[in-house]
Amino acid sequence: MKNILICAVLAALLLTGCQNAVKEGTGQLEKGEYKEAVSTFKKAVKEEKGAAEAYRGLGMAYYEQKDYQPARDAFLQVIDNGGDVTYVLYNLVGVCSMHLEDYQGALDAFSKGVDLAEKSGDADTKEQDYTDIVREMKFNEIVCHEKLLDWESARKKATEYVRDYPDDKEAQKEAAFLNTR
């Protein structure tokens, strides 16, 4: 899953006709030079050239270092600066929010991500990365509802999830557990 997210974000960065600092930061991300990438993307943000894509790269660099607060902040800046908003971006915001124990924020992000994915052309093609990311978001919605002690919503989401993904044994156990709540 991690490689899918990195590839999706790198592709978005490379396809946007980015400025030199963003291109340099993207290269650093590809090489796993995350601290260097943070510095480079911060420079790109200050230059205000391709700010949305610089924020996307900055978010990925922080995310790869498991520094979730600045990662989430950077991903949200992509949206605020008119960047390309994708279900992958919403998934990243949601995962960061979960790590920060902001389960309502995570739910909001996952919901927007699933809605966006279902409205996009990717939903028709059922490409593997689409399927994996949407599946992850839907499962994480269950987890977030549980963390918020919203058992009814968790149970509903688990039932829907098991219907859509009947091969997921972990989700079947989770749904059985939720039926006891």
N, C-alpha and C. Protein backbone atom coordinates (compact mmCIF):
# COMPACT_ATOMS: atom_id res chain seq x y z
N MET A 1 0.83 -1.19 0.00
CA MET A 1 0.00 0.00 0.00
C MET A 1 0.87 1.25 0.00
N LYS A 2 1.94 1.24 0.77
CA LYS A 2 2.82 2.39 0.87
C LYS A 2 3.38 2.76 -0.50
N ASN A 3 3.80 1.77 -1.29
CA ASN A 3 4.35 2.05 -2.61
C ASN A 3 3.30 2.65 -3.53
N ILE A 4 2.06 2.22 -3.42
CA ILE A 4 0.99 2.76 -4.23
C ILE A 4 0.82 4.24 -3.93
N LEU A 5 0.81 4.59 -2.64
CA LEU A 5 0.64 5.99 -2.25
C LEU A 5 1.79 6.85 -2.73
N ILE A 6 3.00 6.36 -2.56
CA ILE A 6 4.17 7.13 -2.99
C ILE A 6 4.13 7.33 -4.49
N CYS A 7 3.86 6.28 -5.24
CA CYS A 7 3.81 6.38 -6.70
C CYS A 7 2.73 7.35 -7.15
N ALA A 8 1.56 7.30 -6.52
CA ALA A 8 0.46 8.19 -6.89
C ALA A 8 0.83 9.65 -6.65
N VAL A 9 1.44 9.92 -5.52
CA VAL A 9 1.81 11.29 -5.20
C VAL A 9 2.95 11.77 -6.10
N LEU A 10 3.93 10.92 -6.32
CA LEU A 10 5.04 11.30 -7.20
C LEU A 10 4.55 11.56 -8.62
N ALA A 11 3.63 10.75 -9.10
CA ALA A 11 3.08 10.96 -10.43
C ALA A 11 2.37 12.30 -10.51
N ALA A 12 1.60 12.62 -9.47
CA ALA A 12 0.91 13.91 -9.45
C ALA A 12 1.91 15.07 -9.46
N LEU A 13 2.97 14.92 -8.71
CA LEU A 13 3.99 15.97 -8.69
C LEU A 13 4.66 16.13 -10.04
N LEU A 14 4.97 15.04 -10.68
CA LEU A 14 5.69 15.09 -11.95
C LEU A 14 4.82 15.55 -13.11
N LEU A 15 3.52 15.31 -13.05
CA LEU A 15 2.63 15.65 -14.14
C LEU A 15 2.15 17.10 -14.11
N THR A 16 2.48 17.83 -13.09
CA THR A 16 1.93 19.17 -12.94
C THR A 16 2.84 20.25 -13.51
N GLY A 17 3.92 19.89 -14.15
CA GLY A 17 4.81 20.90 -14.68
C GLY A 17 5.45 21.70 -13.57
N CYS A 18 5.94 21.02 -12.57
CA CYS A 18 6.42 21.64 -11.36
C CYS A 18 7.66 22.49 -11.60
N GLN A 19 7.92 23.37 -10.66
CA GLN A 19 9.10 24.21 -10.69
C GLN A 19 10.32 23.40 -10.28
N ASN A 20 11.49 24.00 -10.41
CA ASN A 20 12.74 23.29 -10.13
C ASN A 20 12.83 22.72 -8.72
N ALA A 21 12.47 23.51 -7.71
CA ALA A 21 12.57 23.02 -6.33
C ALA A 21 11.64 21.84 -6.10
N VAL A 22 10.46 21.87 -6.70
CA VAL A 22 9.52 20.76 -6.54
C VAL A 22 10.08 19.53 -7.25
N LYS A 23 10.65 19.71 -8.42
CA LYS A 23 11.26 18.58 -9.13
C LYS A 23 12.42 17.99 -8.32
N GLU A 24 13.22 18.86 -7.73
CA GLU A 24 14.33 18.39 -6.91
C GLU A 24 13.81 17.62 -5.70
N GLY A 25 12.80 18.17 -5.04
CA GLY A 25 12.21 17.49 -3.88
C GLY A 25 11.60 16.15 -4.25
N THR A 26 10.97 16.10 -5.41
CA THR A 26 10.39 14.84 -5.89
C THR A 26 11.47 13.79 -6.09
N GLY A 27 12.59 14.21 -6.65
CA GLY A 27 13.73 13.29 -6.81
C GLY A 27 14.24 12.79 -5.46
N GLN A 28 14.27 13.68 -4.49
CA GLN A 28 14.71 13.28 -3.15
C GLN A 28 13.72 12.29 -2.53
N LEU A 29 12.44 12.50 -2.73
CA LEU A 29 11.44 11.55 -2.24
C LEU A 29 11.66 10.17 -2.85
N GLU A 30 11.89 10.15 -4.16
CA GLU A 30 12.12 8.88 -4.85
C GLU A 30 13.32 8.14 -4.29
N LYS A 31 14.33 8.88 -3.86
CA LYS A 31 15.55 8.28 -3.32
C LYS A 31 15.44 7.96 -1.82
N GLY A 32 14.33 8.34 -1.20
CA GLY A 32 14.17 8.11 0.23
C GLY A 32 14.91 9.12 1.09
N GLU A 33 15.26 10.25 0.52
CA GLU A 33 15.97 11.32 1.24
C GLU A 33 14.92 12.29 1.80
N TYR A 34 14.22 11.85 2.82
CA TYR A 34 13.04 12.57 3.29
C TYR A 34 13.37 13.89 3.99
N LYS A 35 14.42 13.91 4.80
CA LYS A 35 14.78 15.16 5.48
C LYS A 35 15.20 16.23 4.47
N GLU A 36 15.96 15.81 3.47
CA GLU A 36 16.37 16.74 2.42
C GLU A 36 15.15 17.23 1.64
N ALA A 37 14.21 16.31 1.39
CA ALA A 37 13.00 16.67 0.66
C ALA A 37 12.18 17.70 1.43
N VAL A 38 12.11 17.55 2.75
CA VAL A 38 11.38 18.54 3.56
C VAL A 38 11.98 19.92 3.33
N SER A 39 13.29 20.05 3.40
CA SER A 39 13.94 21.35 3.20
C SER A 39 13.67 21.90 1.81
N THR A 40 13.75 21.03 0.83
CA THR A 40 13.55 21.46 -0.55
C THR A 40 12.10 21.90 -0.79
N PHE A 41 11.16 21.14 -0.29
CA PHE A 41 9.75 21.51 -0.48
C PHE A 41 9.40 22.77 0.30
N LYS A 42 9.99 22.95 1.48
CA LYS A 42 9.76 24.20 2.23
C LYS A 42 10.25 25.39 1.42
N LYS A 43 11.37 25.22 0.76
CA LYS A 43 11.90 26.28 -0.11
C LYS A 43 10.91 26.56 -1.24
N ALA A 44 10.37 25.54 -1.83
CA ALA A 44 9.41 25.70 -2.92
C ALA A 44 8.14 26.41 -2.44
N VAL A 45 7.71 26.08 -1.22
CA VAL A 45 6.53 26.73 -0.67
C VAL A 45 6.80 28.22 -0.48
N LYS A 46 7.98 28.55 0.03
CA LYS A 46 8.33 29.97 0.26
C LYS A 46 8.40 30.73 -1.06
N GLU A 47 8.85 30.07 -2.10
CA GLU A 47 8.93 30.72 -3.41
C GLU A 47 7.54 30.90 -4.02
N GLU A 48 6.54 30.22 -3.46
CA GLU A 48 5.15 30.29 -3.90
C GLU A 48 4.97 29.92 -5.37
N LYS A 49 5.83 29.11 -5.89
CA LYS A 49 5.68 28.61 -7.26
C LYS A 49 5.25 27.16 -7.16
N GLY A 50 4.08 26.87 -7.66
CA GLY A 50 3.57 25.51 -7.54
C GLY A 50 3.34 25.14 -6.10
N ALA A 51 2.83 26.09 -5.31
CA ALA A 51 2.71 25.89 -3.86
C ALA A 51 1.91 24.63 -3.52
N ALA A 52 0.83 24.38 -4.22
CA ALA A 52 0.01 23.21 -3.88
C ALA A 52 0.81 21.93 -4.04
N GLU A 53 1.57 21.84 -5.11
CA GLU A 53 2.35 20.62 -5.34
C GLU A 53 3.55 20.55 -4.40
N ALA A 54 4.06 21.70 -4.02
CA ALA A 54 5.13 21.71 -3.02
C ALA A 54 4.60 21.21 -1.68
N TYR A 55 3.39 21.63 -1.34
CA TYR A 55 2.77 21.14 -0.11
C TYR A 55 2.52 19.64 -0.18
N ARG A 56 2.11 19.14 -1.35
CA ARG A 56 1.88 17.70 -1.50
C ARG A 56 3.18 16.94 -1.24
N GLY A 57 4.26 17.40 -1.83
CA GLY A 57 5.56 16.77 -1.61
C GLY A 57 6.03 16.88 -0.17
N LEU A 58 5.80 18.05 0.42
CA LEU A 58 6.17 18.26 1.82
C LEU A 58 5.39 17.28 2.71
N GLY A 59 4.11 17.13 2.43
CA GLY A 59 3.30 16.18 3.19
C GLY A 59 3.83 14.77 3.08
N MET A 60 4.21 14.37 1.87
CA MET A 60 4.75 13.01 1.69
C MET A 60 6.07 12.83 2.44
N ALA A 61 6.91 13.84 2.40
CA ALA A 61 8.20 13.74 3.09
C ALA A 61 7.99 13.58 4.60
N TYR A 62 7.08 14.35 5.16
CA TYR A 62 6.76 14.21 6.58
C TYR A 62 6.10 12.86 6.86
N TYR A 63 5.18 12.46 6.00
CA TYR A 63 4.46 11.20 6.17
C TYR A 63 5.43 10.02 6.21
N GLU A 64 6.39 10.02 5.33
CA GLU A 64 7.36 8.94 5.28
C GLU A 64 8.23 8.89 6.53
N GLN A 65 8.35 10.02 7.22
CA GLN A 65 9.10 10.08 8.47
C GLN A 65 8.19 9.84 9.68
N LYS A 66 6.93 9.54 9.41
CA LYS A 66 5.93 9.30 10.46
C LYS A 66 5.71 10.53 11.35
N ASP A 67 5.87 11.70 10.75
CA ASP A 67 5.64 12.96 11.43
C ASP A 67 4.27 13.46 10.95
N TYR A 68 3.22 12.96 11.59
CA TYR A 68 1.87 13.04 11.04
C TYR A 68 1.20 14.41 11.15
N GLN A 69 1.51 15.19 12.18
CA GLN A 69 0.88 16.51 12.28
C GLN A 69 1.30 17.42 11.13
N PRO A 70 2.59 17.62 10.90
CA PRO A 70 2.94 18.47 9.77
C PRO A 70 2.58 17.84 8.42
N ALA A 71 2.54 16.51 8.35
CA ALA A 71 2.11 15.86 7.11
C ALA A 71 0.66 16.22 6.81
N ARG A 72 -0.21 16.07 7.82
CA ARG A 72 -1.62 16.40 7.62
C ARG A 72 -1.79 17.87 7.27
N ASP A 73 -1.06 18.73 7.99
CA ASP A 73 -1.16 20.16 7.71
C ASP A 73 -0.78 20.46 6.26
N ALA A 74 0.27 19.82 5.79
CA ALA A 74 0.73 20.05 4.41
C ALA A 74 -0.30 19.53 3.41
N PHE A 75 -0.86 18.35 3.66
CA PHE A 75 -1.87 17.81 2.75
C PHE A 75 -3.09 18.71 2.69
N LEU A 76 -3.50 19.27 3.83
CA LEU A 76 -4.63 20.19 3.84
C LEU A 76 -4.32 21.47 3.08
N GLN A 77 -3.04 21.87 3.08
CA GLN A 77 -2.64 23.05 2.31
C GLN A 77 -2.76 22.80 0.81
N VAL A 78 -2.61 21.57 0.38
CA VAL A 78 -2.82 21.25 -1.04
C VAL A 78 -4.23 21.67 -1.43
N ILE A 79 -5.20 21.30 -0.59
CA ILE A 79 -6.59 21.63 -0.85
C ILE A 79 -6.79 23.14 -0.80
N ASP A 80 -6.26 23.77 0.24
CA ASP A 80 -6.42 25.22 0.41
C ASP A 80 -5.76 26.04 -0.70
N ASN A 81 -4.75 25.47 -1.35
CA ASN A 81 -4.03 26.20 -2.40
C ASN A 81 -4.46 25.78 -3.80
N GLY A 82 -5.60 25.11 -3.90
CA GLY A 82 -6.15 24.79 -5.22
C GLY A 82 -5.46 23.65 -5.94
N GLY A 83 -4.80 22.78 -5.19
CA GLY A 83 -4.13 21.64 -5.81
C GLY A 83 -5.11 20.57 -6.25
N ASP A 84 -4.59 19.60 -6.96
CA ASP A 84 -5.40 18.48 -7.44
C ASP A 84 -5.84 17.65 -6.23
N VAL A 85 -7.13 17.62 -5.98
CA VAL A 85 -7.68 16.90 -4.84
C VAL A 85 -8.10 15.52 -5.32
N THR A 86 -7.51 14.49 -4.73
CA THR A 86 -7.79 13.11 -5.13
C THR A 86 -8.19 12.28 -3.92
N TYR A 87 -8.73 11.11 -4.19
CA TYR A 87 -9.07 10.21 -3.08
C TYR A 87 -7.81 9.75 -2.37
N VAL A 88 -6.69 9.69 -3.06
CA VAL A 88 -5.42 9.33 -2.42
C VAL A 88 -5.05 10.40 -1.39
N LEU A 89 -5.22 11.66 -1.75
CA LEU A 89 -4.93 12.76 -0.83
C LEU A 89 -5.82 12.66 0.41
N TYR A 90 -7.10 12.42 0.21
CA TYR A 90 -8.00 12.29 1.36
C TYR A 90 -7.64 11.09 2.22
N ASN A 91 -7.19 10.01 1.60
CA ASN A 91 -6.76 8.86 2.39
C ASN A 91 -5.56 9.24 3.25
N LEU A 92 -4.62 9.96 2.70
CA LEU A 92 -3.44 10.38 3.47
C LEU A 92 -3.84 11.29 4.64
N VAL A 93 -4.75 12.22 4.39
CA VAL A 93 -5.24 13.09 5.47
C VAL A 93 -5.90 12.24 6.55
N GLY A 94 -6.70 11.26 6.13
CA GLY A 94 -7.37 10.40 7.09
C GLY A 94 -6.42 9.56 7.91
N VAL A 95 -5.43 8.97 7.27
CA VAL A 95 -4.46 8.14 7.99
C VAL A 95 -3.67 9.00 8.99
N CYS A 96 -3.26 10.18 8.55
CA CYS A 96 -2.55 11.08 9.48
C CYS A 96 -3.45 11.42 10.67
N SER A 97 -4.71 11.71 10.40
CA SER A 97 -5.64 12.05 11.46
C SER A 97 -5.82 10.90 12.44
N MET A 98 -5.87 9.68 11.92
CA MET A 98 -5.98 8.52 12.82
C MET A 98 -4.76 8.43 13.73
N HIS A 99 -3.57 8.62 13.17
CA HIS A 99 -2.35 8.57 13.98
C HIS A 99 -2.35 9.66 15.05
N LEU A 100 -3.03 10.75 14.75
CA LEU A 100 -3.11 11.87 15.70
C LEU A 100 -4.31 11.74 16.64
N GLU A 101 -5.02 10.61 16.53
CA GLU A 101 -6.20 10.33 17.33
C GLU A 101 -7.31 11.34 17.13
N ASP A 102 -7.37 11.93 15.94
CA ASP A 102 -8.46 12.80 15.53
C ASP A 102 -9.37 11.96 14.65
N TYR A 103 -10.19 11.14 15.31
CA TYR A 103 -11.00 10.16 14.58
C TYR A 103 -12.14 10.80 13.80
N GLN A 104 -12.67 11.90 14.29
CA GLN A 104 -13.71 12.58 13.52
C GLN A 104 -13.11 13.20 12.26
N GLY A 105 -11.95 13.81 12.40
CA GLY A 105 -11.26 14.35 11.22
C GLY A 105 -10.92 13.27 10.21
N ALA A 106 -10.53 12.11 10.72
CA ALA A 106 -10.22 10.98 9.84
C ALA A 106 -11.48 10.52 9.11
N LEU A 107 -12.58 10.41 9.85
CA LEU A 107 -13.84 10.00 9.22
C LEU A 107 -14.25 10.97 8.12
N ASP A 108 -14.12 12.25 8.38
CA ASP A 108 -14.47 13.25 7.38
C ASP A 108 -13.62 13.07 6.12
N ALA A 109 -12.32 12.85 6.31
CA ALA A 109 -11.43 12.69 5.17
C ALA A 109 -11.74 11.41 4.41
N PHE A 110 -11.94 10.30 5.12
CA PHE A 110 -12.24 9.04 4.44
C PHE A 110 -13.56 9.13 3.68
N SER A 111 -14.55 9.76 4.28
CA SER A 111 -15.85 9.91 3.62
C SER A 111 -15.70 10.70 2.32
N LYS A 112 -14.97 11.80 2.37
CA LYS A 112 -14.74 12.61 1.16
C LYS A 112 -13.95 11.81 0.13
N GLY A 113 -12.98 11.05 0.60
CA GLY A 113 -12.18 10.24 -0.31
C GLY A 113 -12.98 9.17 -1.01
N VAL A 114 -13.81 8.45 -0.25
CA VAL A 114 -14.64 7.40 -0.85
C VAL A 114 -15.63 8.02 -1.84
N ASP A 115 -16.27 9.12 -1.44
CA ASP A 115 -17.21 9.80 -2.34
C ASP A 115 -16.52 10.23 -3.63
N LEU A 116 -15.35 10.81 -3.50
CA LEU A 116 -14.62 11.28 -4.67
C LEU A 116 -14.22 10.10 -5.57
N ALA A 117 -13.77 9.02 -4.96
CA ALA A 117 -13.36 7.85 -5.73
C ALA A 117 -14.55 7.26 -6.48
N GLU A 118 -15.69 7.22 -5.83
CA GLU A 118 -16.87 6.64 -6.47
C GLU A 118 -17.40 7.52 -7.59
N LYS A 119 -17.15 8.82 -7.52
CA LYS A 119 -17.58 9.74 -8.57
C LYS A 119 -16.58 9.82 -9.72
N SER A 120 -15.35 9.39 -9.47
CA SER A 120 -14.30 9.50 -10.49
C SER A 120 -14.40 8.36 -11.49
N GLY A 121 -13.72 8.51 -12.59
CA GLY A 121 -13.67 7.46 -13.60
C GLY A 121 -12.96 6.22 -13.11
N ASP A 122 -12.12 6.34 -12.10
CA ASP A 122 -11.39 5.19 -11.58
C ASP A 122 -12.33 4.14 -11.02
N ALA A 123 -13.48 4.57 -10.54
CA ALA A 123 -14.42 3.61 -9.96
C ALA A 123 -14.92 2.64 -11.02
N ASP A 124 -14.99 3.11 -12.26
CA ASP A 124 -15.46 2.24 -13.34
C ASP A 124 -14.39 1.25 -13.77
N THR A 125 -13.13 1.64 -13.69
CA THR A 125 -12.06 0.77 -14.17
C THR A 125 -11.64 -0.24 -13.12
N LYS A 126 -11.90 0.06 -11.86
CA LYS A 126 -11.52 -0.83 -10.74
C LYS A 126 -10.04 -1.20 -10.79
N GLU A 127 -9.21 -0.21 -11.10
CA GLU A 127 -7.76 -0.45 -11.08
C GLU A 127 -7.35 -0.88 -9.68
N GLN A 128 -6.28 -1.63 -9.59
CA GLN A 128 -5.86 -2.21 -8.31
C GLN A 128 -5.60 -1.14 -7.26
N ASP A 129 -4.92 -0.05 -7.64
CA ASP A 129 -4.65 0.97 -6.63
C ASP A 129 -5.95 1.61 -6.14
N TYR A 130 -6.89 1.82 -7.05
CA TYR A 130 -8.19 2.35 -6.64
C TYR A 130 -8.85 1.41 -5.63
N THR A 131 -8.90 0.14 -5.98
CA THR A 131 -9.55 -0.85 -5.13
C THR A 131 -8.90 -0.92 -3.76
N ASP A 132 -7.59 -0.98 -3.72
CA ASP A 132 -6.88 -1.08 -2.44
C ASP A 132 -7.09 0.15 -1.56
N ILE A 133 -7.02 1.31 -2.15
CA ILE A 133 -7.14 2.54 -1.37
C ILE A 133 -8.57 2.72 -0.87
N VAL A 134 -9.54 2.49 -1.73
CA VAL A 134 -10.94 2.62 -1.30
C VAL A 134 -11.25 1.60 -0.22
N ARG A 135 -10.75 0.40 -0.40
CA ARG A 135 -10.97 -0.64 0.60
C ARG A 135 -10.37 -0.23 1.95
N GLU A 136 -9.17 0.31 1.91
CA GLU A 136 -8.51 0.77 3.14
C GLU A 136 -9.33 1.87 3.81
N MET A 137 -9.83 2.83 3.03
CA MET A 137 -10.61 3.92 3.61
C MET A 137 -11.89 3.39 4.24
N LYS A 138 -12.55 2.46 3.56
CA LYS A 138 -13.80 1.92 4.10
C LYS A 138 -13.55 1.15 5.40
N PHE A 139 -12.46 0.39 5.47
CA PHE A 139 -12.15 -0.32 6.71
C PHE A 139 -11.81 0.68 7.82
N ASN A 140 -11.05 1.70 7.48
CA ASN A 140 -10.67 2.69 8.48
C ASN A 140 -11.87 3.46 9.01
N GLU A 141 -12.92 3.59 8.20
CA GLU A 141 -14.14 4.22 8.71
C GLU A 141 -14.71 3.40 9.88
N ILE A 142 -14.66 2.09 9.75
CA ILE A 142 -15.14 1.22 10.84
C ILE A 142 -14.33 1.47 12.10
N VAL A 143 -13.02 1.48 11.95
CA VAL A 143 -12.13 1.69 13.09
C VAL A 143 -12.40 3.03 13.76
N CYS A 144 -12.58 4.07 12.96
CA CYS A 144 -12.82 5.40 13.53
C CYS A 144 -14.14 5.45 14.29
N HIS A 145 -15.17 4.83 13.74
CA HIS A 145 -16.45 4.80 14.47
C HIS A 145 -16.29 4.08 15.80
N GLU A 146 -15.52 3.00 15.80
CA GLU A 146 -15.27 2.28 17.06
C GLU A 146 -14.54 3.17 18.06
N LYS A 147 -13.51 3.86 17.59
CA LYS A 147 -12.73 4.73 18.48
C LYS A 147 -13.61 5.83 19.07
N LEU A 148 -14.62 6.25 18.31
CA LEU A 148 -15.54 7.28 18.79
C LEU A 148 -16.70 6.68 19.59
N LEU A 149 -16.65 5.35 19.79
CA LEU A 149 -17.69 4.62 20.52
C LEU A 149 -19.06 4.75 19.88
N ASP A 150 -19.07 4.92 18.58
CA ASP A 150 -20.30 4.98 17.80
C ASP A 150 -20.54 3.59 17.22
N TRP A 151 -21.05 2.72 18.09
CA TRP A 151 -21.17 1.31 17.75
C TRP A 151 -22.15 1.06 16.61
N GLU A 152 -23.24 1.80 16.58
CA GLU A 152 -24.24 1.60 15.53
C GLU A 152 -23.65 1.92 14.15
N SER A 153 -22.96 3.03 14.03
CA SER A 153 -22.34 3.38 12.74
C SER A 153 -21.24 2.39 12.38
N ALA A 154 -20.47 1.97 13.37
CA ALA A 154 -19.41 0.98 13.11
C ALA A 154 -20.02 -0.32 12.62
N ARG A 155 -21.10 -0.74 13.25
CA ARG A 155 -21.78 -1.99 12.86
C ARG A 155 -22.31 -1.87 11.42
N LYS A 156 -22.91 -0.73 11.11
CA LYS A 156 -23.45 -0.51 9.75
C LYS A 156 -22.33 -0.54 8.72
N LYS A 157 -21.25 0.16 9.00
CA LYS A 157 -20.11 0.20 8.06
C LYS A 157 -19.48 -1.19 7.91
N ALA A 158 -19.39 -1.93 9.01
CA ALA A 158 -18.81 -3.27 8.95
C ALA A 158 -19.67 -4.21 8.11
N THR A 159 -20.98 -4.10 8.25
CA THR A 159 -21.90 -4.92 7.46
C THR A 159 -21.73 -4.61 5.97
N GLU A 160 -21.67 -3.34 5.64
CA GLU A 160 -21.47 -2.93 4.24
C GLU A 160 -20.12 -3.42 3.72
N TYR A 161 -19.11 -3.28 4.56
CA TYR A 161 -17.75 -3.67 4.16
C TYR A 161 -17.68 -5.17 3.87
N VAL A 162 -18.23 -5.98 4.76
CA VAL A 162 -18.20 -7.44 4.58
C VAL A 162 -19.01 -7.84 3.35
N ARG A 163 -20.08 -7.13 3.09
CA ARG A 163 -20.86 -7.39 1.88
C ARG A 163 -20.01 -7.11 0.63
N ASP A 164 -19.26 -6.01 0.65
CA ASP A 164 -18.44 -5.62 -0.50
C ASP A 164 -17.15 -6.43 -0.62
N TYR A 165 -16.61 -6.87 0.53
CA TYR A 165 -15.33 -7.58 0.57
C TYR A 165 -15.47 -8.85 1.40
N PRO A 166 -16.21 -9.83 0.91
CA PRO A 166 -16.49 -11.02 1.71
C PRO A 166 -15.26 -11.88 2.01
N ASP A 167 -14.15 -11.65 1.32
CA ASP A 167 -12.93 -12.44 1.54
C ASP A 167 -12.10 -11.94 2.71
N ASP A 168 -12.46 -10.82 3.30
CA ASP A 168 -11.68 -10.22 4.38
C ASP A 168 -12.06 -10.86 5.72
N LYS A 169 -11.25 -11.80 6.17
CA LYS A 169 -11.53 -12.55 7.41
C LYS A 169 -11.48 -11.63 8.63
N GLU A 170 -10.54 -10.70 8.64
CA GLU A 170 -10.43 -9.77 9.77
C GLU A 170 -11.71 -8.94 9.91
N ALA A 171 -12.24 -8.48 8.79
CA ALA A 171 -13.46 -7.68 8.82
C ALA A 171 -14.65 -8.53 9.25
N GLN A 172 -14.67 -9.80 8.87
CA GLN A 172 -15.76 -10.68 9.31
C GLN A 172 -15.75 -10.83 10.83
N LYS A 173 -14.56 -10.96 11.40
CA LYS A 173 -14.44 -11.05 12.86
C LYS A 173 -14.88 -9.75 13.51
N GLU A 174 -14.49 -8.66 12.89
CA GLU A 174 -14.86 -7.34 13.42
C GLU A 174 -16.37 -7.15 13.39
N ALA A 175 -16.98 -7.55 12.29
CA ALA A 175 -18.44 -7.43 12.17
C ALA A 175 -19.14 -8.30 13.22
N ALA A 176 -18.62 -9.50 13.45
CA ALA A 176 -19.20 -10.38 14.47
C ALA A 176 -19.06 -9.74 15.85
N PHE A 177 -17.91 -9.15 16.13
CA PHE A 177 -17.70 -8.46 17.40
C PHE A 177 -18.70 -7.31 17.56
N LEU A 178 -18.86 -6.52 16.50
CA LEU A 178 -19.74 -5.36 16.58
C LEU A 178 -21.21 -5.77 16.77
N ASN A 179 -21.56 -6.93 16.31
CA ASN A 179 -22.94 -7.40 16.52
C ASN A 179 -23.22 -7.75 17.98
N THR A 180 -22.16 -7.84 18.80
CA THR A 180 -22.35 -8.09 20.23
C THR A 180 -22.46 -6.79 21.02
N ARG A 181 -22.22 -5.68 20.40
CA ARG A 181 -22.24 -4.38 21.09
C ARG A 181 -23.65 -3.86 21.14
